[in-house]
Amino acid sequence: MSAELVTFGCRLNTWESEVIRAHTATLDDTVVVNTCAVTAEAERQARQAIRRIARERPGARIVVTGCAVQIDPARWAGLPGVSRVLGNEEKLHARSWAADAPSAVADIMAARDTAPHLVTEFAGRTRAFLQVQQGCDHRCTFCIIPFGRGPSRSVPIGAVVEQARTLVAAGFAEIVLTGVDIASYGPDLPGAPRLGQMVRRLLALVPNLQRLRLSSIDPAAIDEDLWQLIAEEKRLMPHLHLSLQAGSDMILKRMKRRHLCADAAEVIARARALRPGIAIGADLIAGFPTETEALFAQTEAFVAATALPYLHVFAYSERPGTPAARMPAVPMHERRARAARLRAVARAAAGEFHTAMIGREVAVLAETEARGHSEEFAPVRLLGATPGQVLRARVVAADADMLAVAA
């Protein structure tokens, strides 16, 4: 007897769903849908899931939460079968899931919670997520997430270390630090530690942690302590995923990003110089309003020149209430075509990156008997592995999709 969790969106939502899972372990015939608001497609998929659940399980109690609900609770409360909506702060507290909790939440609070919540299990996963930061103080013109997550707040280093120790004791070999904007970690804490200082303390105080990985990071805010760790700390995985969004200075300015192309190129070059073989990924938006073919070609050329193997590409999605939603739009078919072109460039880079690893020995975290990821986050085909095990193997073949290792 426990609630069923349906999660959309980012690693932070995945972590929060595990907090919810612990609070709902005794609830019967309840389905919790944890929504995402980053794109219209993410919201559409959540609405579709809710309607399907209401149709297939008419007696189930459906509770909907997450960023989309935080931004527009009435819209989600009105969907068929929904008995309750919860904001991003309320969903993390046990009292919200008590038997005598109200049937609906009419006044969703601003998302400001930073209290640590211990998580020891991640259903079906061998890699653990650890929230270190929440919210965002920036106002990129395309982004609605600050309205769903509130201002930037940091989890104290002591609480981060305690959670990491708990996860290692539970058997996790790899932890991923996650948040909305982890590069903004620390200024709200006593002494204003930066992300690099927190990572250094974490690794020093949790010596049994084998692998530490960062989630998406803003290239405009990588501190010097973190650079030193990238260069010297082998337990910090050789993998950076940058929140780039575009490779055109004009589009970056219209997005109100804090970096330009030269800044991003410098970050990529510095990472590769300090940690040869490091994998670089990036988030990119295709078809941002006002993006002409010439401006898109600048992004395409930037991605090709920097040989980024791992891209998360999104066709631009209007978010009501954001400045970009009022800018002249690119036709949807063109957005999708440009996204496909960027993915093709990245696929070619991934093929070259993986091929260069042939003959090397890699350390692989097995996620299933047949699949895992290397330290660089390259997908690896395995045979008869034990999930959760870190194994060493030699790469014997590779393509754009995966590495193959010797049995």
Protein backbone atom coordinates (compact mmCIF):
# COMPACT_ATOMS: atom_id res chain seq x y z
CA MET A 1 0.00 0.00 0.00
CA SER A 2 1.65 3.22 -1.18
CA ALA A 3 1.01 6.08 -3.54
CA GLU A 4 2.05 5.84 -7.18
CA LEU A 5 4.40 8.62 -8.35
CA VAL A 6 4.41 10.04 -11.88
CA THR A 7 7.26 12.53 -12.35
CA PHE A 8 7.98 14.98 -15.14
CA GLY A 9 10.93 17.32 -15.63
CA CYS A 10 14.31 17.77 -14.04
CA ARG A 11 16.54 15.90 -11.59
CA LEU A 12 15.32 18.21 -8.83
CA ASN A 13 11.76 17.02 -9.44
CA THR A 14 13.03 13.42 -9.31
CA TRP A 15 14.65 14.09 -5.93
CA GLU A 16 11.48 15.76 -4.65
CA SER A 17 9.39 12.81 -5.81
CA GLU A 18 11.48 10.57 -3.55
CA VAL A 19 10.72 12.89 -0.62
CA ILE A 20 7.03 12.60 -1.53
CA ARG A 21 7.33 8.81 -1.81
CA ALA A 22 8.49 8.61 1.81
CA HIS A 23 5.56 10.78 2.95
CA THR A 24 2.98 8.76 1.01
CA ALA A 25 4.15 5.24 1.84
CA THR A 26 0.90 4.45 3.69
CA LEU A 27 -1.54 6.02 1.21
CA ASP A 28 -3.70 3.61 -0.75
CA ASP A 29 -5.16 4.16 -4.22
CA THR A 30 -3.45 7.54 -4.61
CA VAL A 31 -1.56 8.81 -7.64
CA VAL A 32 0.74 11.83 -7.32
CA VAL A 33 1.64 13.68 -10.52
CA ASN A 34 4.71 15.91 -10.09
CA THR A 35 4.56 18.40 -12.97
CA CYS A 36 7.11 20.47 -14.88
CA ALA A 37 6.56 23.90 -16.45
CA VAL A 38 9.73 24.34 -18.49
CA THR A 39 7.93 23.74 -21.82
CA ALA A 40 4.38 23.51 -23.11
CA GLU A 41 5.13 19.90 -24.09
CA ALA A 42 6.01 18.99 -20.49
CA GLU A 43 2.69 20.42 -19.34
CA ARG A 44 0.79 18.66 -22.14
CA GLN A 45 2.29 15.31 -21.18
CA ALA A 46 1.30 15.83 -17.53
CA ARG A 47 -2.28 16.76 -18.46
CA GLN A 48 -2.46 13.72 -20.73
CA ALA A 49 -1.21 11.48 -17.90
CA ILE A 50 -3.80 12.90 -15.48
CA ARG A 51 -6.66 12.31 -17.93
CA ARG A 52 -5.45 8.76 -18.57
CA ILE A 53 -5.24 8.01 -14.85
CA ALA A 54 -8.73 9.44 -14.27
CA ARG A 55 -10.09 7.29 -17.11
CA GLU A 56 -8.33 4.05 -16.18
CA ARG A 57 -8.57 4.37 -12.38
CA PRO A 58 -11.81 6.25 -11.68
CA GLY A 59 -11.66 5.53 -7.95
CA ALA A 60 -8.10 6.76 -7.45
CA ARG A 61 -7.29 9.96 -5.58
CA ILE A 62 -5.19 12.14 -7.90
CA VAL A 63 -2.93 14.75 -6.31
CA VAL A 64 -1.09 17.14 -8.63
CA THR A 65 1.94 19.19 -7.65
CA GLY A 66 5.13 20.69 -9.11
CA CYS A 67 6.09 23.86 -10.97
CA ALA A 68 3.12 23.94 -13.34
CA VAL A 69 0.75 23.76 -10.36
CA GLN A 70 2.72 26.37 -8.42
CA ILE A 71 2.31 28.82 -11.32
CA ASP A 72 -1.37 28.15 -12.13
CA PRO A 73 -3.07 25.99 -9.46
CA ALA A 74 -6.67 26.63 -10.58
CA ARG A 75 -6.01 25.27 -14.05
CA TRP A 76 -4.75 21.96 -12.66
CA ALA A 77 -7.36 21.69 -9.91
CA GLY A 78 -10.03 21.77 -12.61
CA LEU A 79 -8.80 18.72 -14.50
CA PRO A 80 -10.95 15.56 -14.39
CA GLY A 81 -10.28 13.36 -11.37
CA VAL A 82 -7.98 15.79 -9.54
CA SER A 83 -8.87 15.83 -5.85
CA ARG A 84 -6.06 18.05 -4.66
CA VAL A 85 -3.26 20.35 -5.77
CA LEU A 86 -0.12 21.10 -3.76
CA GLY A 87 2.54 23.77 -4.23
CA ASN A 88 6.27 23.12 -4.45
CA GLU A 89 6.81 23.93 -0.78
CA GLU A 90 3.79 22.04 0.57
CA LYS A 91 4.59 18.84 -1.31
CA LEU A 92 7.80 18.29 0.69
CA HIS A 93 6.17 18.29 4.12
CA ALA A 94 4.68 15.20 5.74
CA ARG A 95 1.78 17.21 7.18
CA SER A 96 0.52 17.91 3.65
CA TRP A 97 -0.03 14.18 3.14
CA ALA A 98 -1.67 13.42 6.49
CA ALA A 99 -5.08 11.74 6.48
CA ASP A 100 -6.74 14.85 7.91
CA ALA A 101 -5.15 17.24 5.40
CA PRO A 102 -7.69 19.38 3.51
CA SER A 103 -9.05 18.05 0.24
CA ALA A 104 -7.79 21.07 -1.70
CA VAL A 105 -5.22 23.83 -1.30
CA ALA A 106 -6.64 27.14 -2.40
CA ASP A 107 -3.72 29.32 -1.31
CA ILE A 108 -0.44 27.87 -2.57
CA MET A 109 2.49 29.48 -0.78
CA ALA A 110 5.47 31.02 -2.52
CA ALA A 111 8.13 28.33 -2.95
CA ARG A 112 10.71 29.13 -0.26
CA ASP A 113 11.47 25.85 1.51
CA THR A 114 15.14 25.05 2.12
CA ALA A 115 14.73 22.58 4.98
CA PRO A 116 16.82 19.44 4.37
CA HIS A 117 14.85 16.29 3.63
CA LEU A 118 16.70 12.98 3.97
CA VAL A 119 16.25 10.64 1.01
CA THR A 120 17.68 7.12 1.08
CA GLU A 121 16.03 5.48 -1.93
CA PHE A 122 15.60 6.35 -5.59
CA ALA A 123 13.14 3.92 -7.16
CA GLY A 124 14.74 2.03 -10.03
CA ARG A 125 17.94 4.11 -9.96
CA THR A 126 21.52 3.34 -9.02
CA ARG A 127 22.59 6.99 -9.09
CA ALA A 128 21.39 9.27 -6.27
CA PHE A 129 20.37 12.91 -6.57
CA LEU A 130 21.12 15.40 -3.81
CA GLN A 131 19.46 18.80 -3.69
CA VAL A 132 21.93 21.53 -2.74
CA GLN A 133 20.11 24.60 -4.00
CA GLN A 134 16.61 25.74 -4.90
CA GLY A 135 15.14 28.63 -6.88
CA CYS A 136 16.69 31.26 -9.14
CA ASP A 137 17.40 34.99 -8.90
CA HIS A 138 17.87 35.52 -12.64
CA ARG A 139 15.21 36.45 -15.13
CA CYS A 140 16.05 34.94 -18.49
CA THR A 141 13.40 36.17 -20.89
CA PHE A 142 12.25 32.67 -21.89
CA CYS A 143 12.04 31.10 -18.43
CA ILE A 144 9.02 30.70 -16.14
CA ILE A 145 10.80 28.56 -13.54
CA PRO A 146 11.64 31.40 -11.06
CA PHE A 147 7.88 31.89 -10.68
CA GLY A 148 7.50 28.20 -9.80
CA ARG A 149 10.59 27.85 -7.62
CA GLY A 150 11.06 31.26 -6.00
CA PRO A 151 14.37 33.00 -5.22
CA SER A 152 17.69 31.18 -4.90
CA ARG A 153 18.22 29.41 -1.56
CA SER A 154 21.09 27.13 -0.57
CA VAL A 155 21.14 24.02 1.60
CA PRO A 156 23.76 24.41 4.36
CA ILE A 157 26.97 22.45 3.83
CA GLY A 158 26.41 20.41 6.99
CA ALA A 159 23.02 19.22 5.73
CA VAL A 160 24.50 18.38 2.31
CA VAL A 161 27.23 16.30 3.95
CA GLU A 162 24.72 14.51 6.21
CA GLN A 163 22.57 13.58 3.22
CA ALA A 164 25.61 12.41 1.23
CA ARG A 165 26.74 10.19 4.11
CA THR A 166 23.24 8.70 4.30
CA LEU A 167 23.23 7.96 0.58
CA VAL A 168 26.69 6.35 0.67
CA ALA A 169 25.63 4.24 3.65
CA ALA A 170 22.57 3.18 1.63
CA GLY A 171 24.90 1.82 -1.06
CA PHE A 172 25.01 4.56 -3.69
CA ALA A 173 28.38 4.83 -5.42
CA GLU A 174 27.50 8.02 -7.31
CA ILE A 175 25.74 11.21 -6.24
CA VAL A 176 24.57 14.00 -8.55
CA LEU A 177 24.34 17.48 -7.01
CA THR A 178 21.17 19.10 -8.25
CA GLY A 179 19.19 22.32 -8.00
CA VAL A 180 17.68 24.99 -10.20
CA ASP A 181 20.90 27.04 -10.48
CA ILE A 182 23.66 25.25 -8.55
CA ALA A 183 26.32 27.74 -9.67
CA SER A 184 24.50 30.32 -7.51
CA TYR A 185 25.08 28.22 -4.40
CA GLY A 186 26.06 29.91 -1.17
CA PRO A 187 25.63 33.72 -0.95
CA ASP A 188 22.60 33.33 1.35
CA LEU A 189 24.55 31.17 3.84
CA PRO A 190 26.85 32.35 6.66
CA GLY A 191 30.29 33.05 5.22
CA ALA A 192 28.86 32.96 1.67
CA PRO A 193 30.59 29.75 0.51
CA ARG A 194 30.71 29.13 -3.22
CA LEU A 195 29.84 25.89 -4.98
CA GLY A 196 33.50 24.88 -5.21
CA GLN A 197 34.01 25.26 -1.46
CA MET A 198 30.91 23.16 -0.76
CA VAL A 199 32.07 20.42 -3.16
CA ARG A 200 35.54 20.40 -1.60
CA ARG A 201 34.09 20.06 1.92
CA LEU A 202 31.69 17.34 0.80
CA LEU A 203 34.43 15.23 -0.77
CA ALA A 204 36.71 15.69 2.23
CA LEU A 205 34.03 14.79 4.79
CA VAL A 206 32.55 11.85 2.85
CA PRO A 207 35.71 9.93 1.84
CA ASN A 208 33.75 6.77 0.97
CA LEU A 209 31.85 8.51 -1.82
CA GLN A 210 33.25 7.07 -5.05
CA ARG A 211 31.77 9.41 -7.66
CA LEU A 212 30.36 12.94 -7.53
CA ARG A 213 28.70 14.56 -10.53
CA LEU A 214 27.30 18.05 -11.14
CA SER A 215 23.98 18.71 -12.84
CA SER A 216 23.55 21.57 -15.30
CA ILE A 217 25.69 24.60 -14.45
CA ASP A 218 25.72 28.23 -15.60
CA PRO A 219 28.99 28.92 -17.48
CA ALA A 220 28.99 32.49 -16.17
CA ALA A 221 29.42 31.45 -12.55
CA ILE A 222 32.03 28.67 -12.23
CA ASP A 223 34.23 29.71 -9.31
CA GLU A 224 38.00 29.23 -9.08
CA ASP A 225 37.78 26.60 -6.34
CA LEU A 226 35.56 24.50 -8.59
CA TRP A 227 38.01 24.91 -11.48
CA GLN A 228 40.77 23.57 -9.26
CA LEU A 229 38.64 20.58 -8.32
CA ILE A 230 37.88 19.88 -11.98
CA ALA A 231 41.61 19.77 -12.60
CA GLU A 232 42.69 17.75 -9.55
CA GLU A 233 39.84 15.79 -7.95
CA LYS A 234 39.37 12.40 -9.61
CA ARG A 235 36.18 11.67 -7.67
CA LEU A 236 34.55 14.67 -9.35
CA MET A 237 33.43 13.17 -12.64
CA PRO A 238 34.97 14.50 -15.89
CA HIS A 239 31.64 15.76 -17.16
CA LEU A 240 30.21 19.28 -17.37
CA HIS A 241 26.73 20.08 -18.61
CA LEU A 242 26.49 23.79 -19.39
CA SER A 243 23.37 25.94 -19.53
CA LEU A 244 24.35 27.60 -22.82
CA GLN A 245 20.94 28.05 -24.54
CA ALA A 246 22.39 29.62 -27.72
CA GLY A 247 25.58 30.13 -29.70
CA SER A 248 24.69 33.58 -31.05
CA ASP A 249 25.58 36.72 -29.10
CA MET A 250 22.47 38.53 -30.33
CA ILE A 251 20.17 35.74 -29.20
CA LEU A 252 21.99 35.41 -25.86
CA LYS A 253 21.44 39.13 -25.24
CA ARG A 254 17.76 38.83 -26.11
CA MET A 255 17.52 35.84 -23.76
CA LYS A 256 19.11 38.04 -21.06
CA ARG A 257 21.79 35.45 -20.41
CA ARG A 258 24.90 36.40 -18.44
CA HIS A 259 27.46 35.09 -20.93
CA LEU A 260 28.38 35.56 -24.58
CA CYS A 261 29.79 33.03 -27.04
CA ALA A 262 33.39 33.92 -26.26
CA ASP A 263 32.75 33.33 -22.56
CA ALA A 264 31.25 29.90 -23.25
CA ALA A 265 34.06 28.94 -25.62
CA GLU A 266 36.60 29.96 -22.96
CA VAL A 267 34.87 27.77 -20.35
CA ILE A 268 34.86 24.79 -22.72
CA ALA A 269 38.52 25.27 -23.66
CA ARG A 270 39.59 25.71 -20.04
CA ALA A 271 37.73 22.57 -18.93
CA ARG A 272 39.38 20.52 -21.67
CA ALA A 273 42.82 21.91 -20.86
CA LEU A 274 42.46 21.20 -17.14
CA ARG A 275 40.86 17.76 -17.56
CA PRO A 276 41.78 16.14 -20.89
CA GLY A 277 39.01 13.85 -22.07
CA ILE A 278 36.28 15.66 -20.14
CA ALA A 279 32.80 15.38 -21.66
CA ILE A 280 30.95 18.61 -22.33
CA GLY A 281 27.18 18.75 -22.66
CA ALA A 282 24.86 21.71 -23.05
CA ASP A 283 21.25 22.85 -23.01
CA LEU A 284 20.21 24.69 -26.19
CA ILE A 285 17.01 26.35 -27.38
CA ALA A 286 16.26 26.26 -31.11
CA GLY A 287 13.96 28.80 -32.72
CA PHE A 288 14.03 31.46 -30.02
CA PRO A 289 11.86 34.47 -30.99
CA THR A 290 13.57 36.78 -33.53
CA GLU A 291 16.07 34.02 -34.45
CA THR A 292 16.71 34.34 -38.18
CA GLU A 293 18.35 31.62 -40.25
CA ALA A 294 21.60 33.59 -40.07
CA LEU A 295 21.45 33.83 -36.28
CA PHE A 296 20.63 30.14 -35.98
CA ALA A 297 23.58 29.35 -38.26
CA GLN A 298 25.81 31.06 -35.67
CA THR A 299 24.58 28.64 -32.99
CA GLU A 300 24.99 25.69 -35.36
CA ALA A 301 28.54 26.76 -36.16
CA PHE A 302 29.36 27.28 -32.48
CA VAL A 303 28.18 23.76 -31.60
CA ALA A 304 30.19 22.30 -34.45
CA ALA A 305 33.34 24.29 -33.62
CA THR A 306 33.24 23.32 -29.94
CA ALA A 307 32.40 19.65 -30.74
CA LEU A 308 29.85 19.25 -27.97
CA PRO A 309 28.84 15.56 -27.83
CA TYR A 310 25.95 15.69 -25.40
CA LEU A 311 23.20 18.20 -26.14
CA HIS A 312 19.74 18.64 -24.65
CA VAL A 313 18.00 20.55 -27.44
CA PHE A 314 14.56 22.11 -27.00
CA ALA A 315 12.42 23.71 -29.66
CA TYR A 316 11.49 27.06 -28.11
CA SER A 317 8.24 26.91 -26.15
CA GLU A 318 6.26 30.04 -25.28
CA ARG A 319 5.75 30.49 -21.55
CA PRO A 320 2.89 32.93 -20.84
CA GLY A 321 4.02 35.82 -18.68
CA THR A 322 7.62 35.84 -19.90
CA PRO A 323 9.11 38.64 -22.05
CA ALA A 324 10.08 36.23 -24.84
CA ALA A 325 6.46 35.17 -25.30
CA ARG A 326 5.75 38.72 -26.53
CA MET A 327 8.60 38.74 -29.07
CA PRO A 328 8.12 37.92 -32.79
CA ALA A 329 7.86 34.14 -33.02
CA VAL A 330 9.63 31.66 -35.28
CA PRO A 331 7.19 29.21 -36.94
CA MET A 332 6.94 25.95 -35.01
CA HIS A 333 7.96 23.80 -37.97
CA GLU A 334 11.15 25.85 -38.28
CA ARG A 335 11.92 25.54 -34.57
CA ARG A 336 11.63 21.76 -34.82
CA ALA A 337 13.76 21.63 -37.97
CA ARG A 338 16.50 23.69 -36.32
CA ALA A 339 16.40 21.50 -33.22
CA ALA A 340 16.89 18.45 -35.43
CA ARG A 341 19.88 20.10 -37.12
CA LEU A 342 21.54 20.78 -33.77
CA ARG A 343 20.96 17.20 -32.66
CA ALA A 344 22.58 15.97 -35.86
CA VAL A 345 25.70 18.08 -35.20
CA ALA A 346 25.86 16.75 -31.65
CA ARG A 347 25.43 13.18 -32.84
CA ALA A 348 28.46 13.53 -35.11
CA ALA A 349 30.47 14.96 -32.20
CA ALA A 350 29.32 12.11 -29.94
CA GLY A 351 30.50 9.59 -32.51
CA GLU A 352 33.95 11.15 -32.59
CA PHE A 353 34.10 11.50 -28.80
CA HIS A 354 33.14 7.87 -28.25
CA THR A 355 35.46 6.55 -30.97
CA ALA A 356 38.39 8.34 -29.33
CA MET A 357 37.74 6.24 -26.21
CA ILE A 358 38.37 2.91 -27.98
CA GLY A 359 41.26 1.09 -26.28
CA ARG A 360 40.85 3.00 -23.01
CA GLU A 361 39.84 1.50 -19.71
CA VAL A 362 36.70 3.13 -18.31
CA ALA A 363 34.97 2.97 -14.92
CA VAL A 364 31.29 2.22 -15.44
CA LEU A 365 28.43 2.56 -13.00
CA ALA A 366 26.07 -0.29 -13.93
CA GLU A 367 22.44 0.84 -13.93
CA THR A 368 21.04 -2.44 -15.23
CA GLU A 369 22.59 -5.78 -16.14
CA ALA A 370 23.01 -4.52 -19.71
CA ARG A 371 23.68 -0.80 -19.45
CA GLY A 372 25.63 1.82 -17.50
CA HIS A 373 27.50 5.11 -17.80
CA SER A 374 31.20 5.87 -17.75
CA GLU A 375 32.76 8.64 -15.69
CA GLU A 376 32.27 10.91 -18.71
CA PHE A 377 28.57 9.92 -18.74
CA ALA A 378 29.02 8.00 -21.98
CA PRO A 379 26.41 5.21 -22.28
CA VAL A 380 28.05 1.77 -22.04
CA ARG A 381 26.69 -1.60 -23.15
CA LEU A 382 27.28 -4.28 -20.50
CA LEU A 383 26.65 -8.00 -20.12
CA GLY A 384 25.48 -9.51 -16.84
CA ALA A 385 26.54 -6.60 -14.62
CA THR A 386 25.29 -6.06 -11.07
CA PRO A 387 23.24 -2.84 -10.84
CA GLY A 388 24.94 -0.31 -8.58
CA GLN A 389 28.38 -1.84 -9.13
CA VAL A 390 31.27 0.26 -10.45
CA LEU A 391 33.32 -1.90 -12.78
CA ARG A 392 36.37 -1.30 -14.93
CA ALA A 393 36.46 -2.47 -18.52
CA ARG A 394 38.25 -1.72 -21.78
CA VAL A 395 36.37 -0.05 -24.63
CA VAL A 396 36.52 -2.23 -27.75
CA ALA A 397 33.98 -0.51 -30.01
CA ALA A 398 31.92 2.66 -30.14
CA ASP A 399 29.39 4.61 -32.14
CA ALA A 400 27.39 7.80 -31.58
CA ASP A 401 25.01 6.02 -29.23
CA MET A 402 27.15 3.88 -26.97
CA LEU A 403 30.46 2.34 -25.95
CA ALA A 404 30.99 -1.42 -26.06
CA VAL A 405 33.43 -2.98 -23.60
CA ALA A 406 35.24 -6.29 -23.48
CA ALA A 407 33.41 -9.03 -21.60
